[in-house]
Amino acid sequence: MANLYSIESLLVGKAYRSRTLEGIILDAEKRDDVYYADADAYRVRVRPTHGLSDTYRIVAVSVA
């Protein structure tokens, strides 16, 4: 039997890196009010590697 995973559970614990932020994703939540072509949007909470407070970002996840 195959294991079933949600996209949210697969995002949690992964490294996040952009031009302005680097850290670890602490949680994720699907957003239906943000649209990306051929992708789902997720709001992720990121704990910065160098910083004191968590911050939020929107990431696009291809589901095709």
N, C-alpha and C. Protein backbone atom coordinates (compact mmCIF):
# COMPACT_ATOMS: atom_id res chain seq x y z
N MET A 1 0.84 -1.18 0.00
CA MET A 1 0.00 0.00 0.00
C MET A 1 0.89 1.24 0.00
N ALA A 2 0.52 2.22 -0.77
CA ALA A 2 1.30 3.45 -0.90
C ALA A 2 0.99 4.41 0.26
N ASN A 3 1.99 5.18 0.64
CA ASN A 3 1.78 6.23 1.64
C ASN A 3 1.18 7.44 0.95
N LEU A 4 0.22 8.07 1.62
CA LEU A 4 -0.39 9.29 1.10
C LEU A 4 0.14 10.49 1.86
N TYR A 5 0.58 11.50 1.11
CA TYR A 5 1.09 12.72 1.70
C TYR A 5 0.31 13.91 1.14
N SER A 6 0.12 14.92 1.96
CA SER A 6 -0.46 16.16 1.46
C SER A 6 0.69 17.09 1.06
N ILE A 7 0.40 18.03 0.20
CA ILE A 7 1.43 18.99 -0.19
C ILE A 7 1.88 19.78 1.03
N GLU A 8 0.95 20.12 1.91
CA GLU A 8 1.31 20.85 3.12
C GLU A 8 2.35 20.09 3.94
N SER A 9 2.12 18.79 4.14
CA SER A 9 3.06 18.01 4.95
C SER A 9 4.41 17.85 4.25
N LEU A 10 4.42 17.85 2.93
CA LEU A 10 5.69 17.75 2.21
C LEU A 10 6.48 19.06 2.26
N LEU A 11 5.81 20.19 2.38
CA LEU A 11 6.50 21.48 2.46
C LEU A 11 7.13 21.72 3.83
N VAL A 12 6.46 21.26 4.89
CA VAL A 12 6.93 21.51 6.25
C VAL A 12 8.29 20.84 6.46
N GLY A 13 9.22 21.63 6.99
CA GLY A 13 10.56 21.13 7.28
C GLY A 13 11.55 21.32 6.14
N LYS A 14 11.07 21.77 5.00
CA LYS A 14 11.95 21.99 3.84
C LYS A 14 12.62 23.35 3.93
N ALA A 15 13.76 23.46 3.28
CA ALA A 15 14.47 24.73 3.22
C ALA A 15 13.75 25.67 2.27
N TYR A 16 13.72 26.95 2.62
CA TYR A 16 13.16 27.99 1.78
C TYR A 16 14.28 28.98 1.49
N ARG A 17 14.41 29.37 0.23
CA ARG A 17 15.44 30.35 -0.12
C ARG A 17 14.92 31.26 -1.22
N SER A 18 15.04 32.56 -0.99
CA SER A 18 14.74 33.56 -2.01
C SER A 18 15.85 34.61 -1.95
N ARG A 19 15.72 35.65 -2.74
CA ARG A 19 16.75 36.71 -2.71
C ARG A 19 16.80 37.43 -1.37
N THR A 20 15.68 37.45 -0.65
CA THR A 20 15.62 38.22 0.59
C THR A 20 15.46 37.40 1.86
N LEU A 21 15.28 36.08 1.73
CA LEU A 21 15.00 35.26 2.91
C LEU A 21 15.53 33.85 2.73
N GLU A 22 16.11 33.32 3.79
CA GLU A 22 16.56 31.94 3.82
C GLU A 22 16.15 31.37 5.17
N GLY A 23 15.53 30.18 5.15
CA GLY A 23 15.10 29.58 6.40
C GLY A 23 14.42 28.24 6.18
N ILE A 24 13.66 27.81 7.18
CA ILE A 24 12.95 26.53 7.17
C ILE A 24 11.46 26.79 7.23
N ILE A 25 10.70 26.06 6.41
CA ILE A 25 9.23 26.19 6.39
C ILE A 25 8.67 25.47 7.62
N LEU A 26 7.89 26.20 8.41
CA LEU A 26 7.30 25.65 9.63
C LEU A 26 5.89 25.13 9.42
N ASP A 27 5.12 25.80 8.59
CA ASP A 27 3.78 25.29 8.25
C ASP A 27 3.35 25.87 6.92
N ALA A 28 2.33 25.25 6.35
CA ALA A 28 1.83 25.64 5.02
C ALA A 28 0.32 25.51 4.99
N GLU A 29 -0.29 26.38 4.22
CA GLU A 29 -1.76 26.40 4.10
C GLU A 29 -2.12 26.78 2.66
N LYS A 30 -2.99 25.98 2.05
CA LYS A 30 -3.41 26.24 0.67
C LYS A 30 -4.23 27.51 0.61
N ARG A 31 -3.97 28.32 -0.41
CA ARG A 31 -4.70 29.57 -0.62
C ARG A 31 -5.45 29.51 -1.93
N ASP A 32 -6.75 29.70 -1.87
CA ASP A 32 -7.56 29.71 -3.08
C ASP A 32 -7.75 31.11 -3.64
N ASP A 33 -7.34 32.13 -2.88
CA ASP A 33 -7.52 33.51 -3.31
C ASP A 33 -6.31 34.06 -4.08
N VAL A 34 -5.27 33.23 -4.26
CA VAL A 34 -4.09 33.62 -5.02
C VAL A 34 -3.99 32.67 -6.21
N TYR A 35 -3.77 33.23 -7.40
CA TYR A 35 -3.77 32.41 -8.61
C TYR A 35 -2.41 32.42 -9.30
N TYR A 36 -1.92 31.25 -9.61
CA TYR A 36 -0.76 31.06 -10.47
C TYR A 36 -1.18 30.11 -11.58
N ALA A 37 -0.79 30.37 -12.81
CA ALA A 37 -1.14 29.51 -13.94
C ALA A 37 -0.57 28.11 -13.72
N ASP A 38 -1.42 27.11 -13.80
CA ASP A 38 -1.03 25.70 -13.67
C ASP A 38 -0.33 25.37 -12.36
N ALA A 39 -0.65 26.09 -11.29
CA ALA A 39 -0.03 25.81 -9.99
C ALA A 39 -1.00 26.20 -8.88
N ASP A 40 -0.82 25.57 -7.72
CA ASP A 40 -1.57 25.93 -6.52
C ASP A 40 -0.71 26.84 -5.68
N ALA A 41 -1.34 27.76 -4.96
CA ALA A 41 -0.62 28.69 -4.10
C ALA A 41 -0.73 28.23 -2.65
N TYR A 42 0.38 28.35 -1.93
CA TYR A 42 0.43 28.00 -0.52
C TYR A 42 1.09 29.13 0.26
N ARG A 43 0.49 29.47 1.39
CA ARG A 43 1.09 30.45 2.30
C ARG A 43 1.94 29.66 3.27
N VAL A 44 3.22 29.97 3.33
CA VAL A 44 4.14 29.25 4.21
C VAL A 44 4.70 30.20 5.27
N ARG A 45 4.89 29.66 6.46
CA ARG A 45 5.54 30.41 7.53
C ARG A 45 6.99 29.94 7.59
N VAL A 46 7.91 30.89 7.49
CA VAL A 46 9.33 30.58 7.41
C VAL A 46 10.05 31.12 8.64
N ARG A 47 10.85 30.25 9.27
CA ARG A 47 11.73 30.68 10.36
C ARG A 47 13.08 31.00 9.75
N PRO A 48 13.49 32.29 9.75
CA PRO A 48 14.74 32.69 9.10
C PRO A 48 15.96 32.05 9.77
N THR A 49 16.96 31.74 8.95
CA THR A 49 18.22 31.23 9.47
C THR A 49 18.92 32.31 10.28
N HIS A 50 18.87 33.54 9.80
CA HIS A 50 19.50 34.67 10.48
C HIS A 50 18.42 35.71 10.75
N GLY A 51 17.82 35.64 11.90
CA GLY A 51 16.77 36.58 12.24
C GLY A 51 16.02 36.12 13.46
N LEU A 52 15.10 36.95 13.92
CA LEU A 52 14.41 36.65 15.16
C LEU A 52 12.96 36.25 15.00
N SER A 53 12.29 36.77 13.97
CA SER A 53 10.85 36.50 13.88
C SER A 53 10.50 35.77 12.59
N ASP A 54 9.50 34.91 12.70
CA ASP A 54 9.00 34.18 11.54
C ASP A 54 8.35 35.16 10.57
N THR A 55 8.32 34.78 9.32
CA THR A 55 7.69 35.61 8.30
C THR A 55 6.92 34.71 7.35
N TYR A 56 6.03 35.28 6.57
CA TYR A 56 5.17 34.52 5.67
C TYR A 56 5.51 34.83 4.22
N ARG A 57 5.38 33.82 3.38
CA ARG A 57 5.58 33.96 1.94
C ARG A 57 4.52 33.12 1.23
N ILE A 58 4.25 33.46 -0.02
CA ILE A 58 3.38 32.66 -0.87
C ILE A 58 4.28 31.91 -1.85
N VAL A 59 4.07 30.59 -1.96
CA VAL A 59 4.83 29.78 -2.90
C VAL A 59 3.85 29.10 -3.86
N ALA A 60 4.29 28.89 -5.08
CA ALA A 60 3.49 28.20 -6.07
C ALA A 60 4.00 26.77 -6.20
N VAL A 61 3.07 25.82 -6.23
CA VAL A 61 3.41 24.40 -6.34
C VAL A 61 2.71 23.85 -7.57
N SER A 62 3.49 23.34 -8.51
CA SER A 62 2.92 22.76 -9.72
C SER A 62 2.26 21.44 -9.39
N VAL A 63 1.04 21.27 -9.87
CA VAL A 63 0.30 20.04 -9.58
C VAL A 63 0.08 19.21 -10.85
N ALA A 64 0.68 19.64 -11.95
CA ALA A 64 0.51 18.95 -13.23
C ALA A 64 1.42 17.73 -13.31
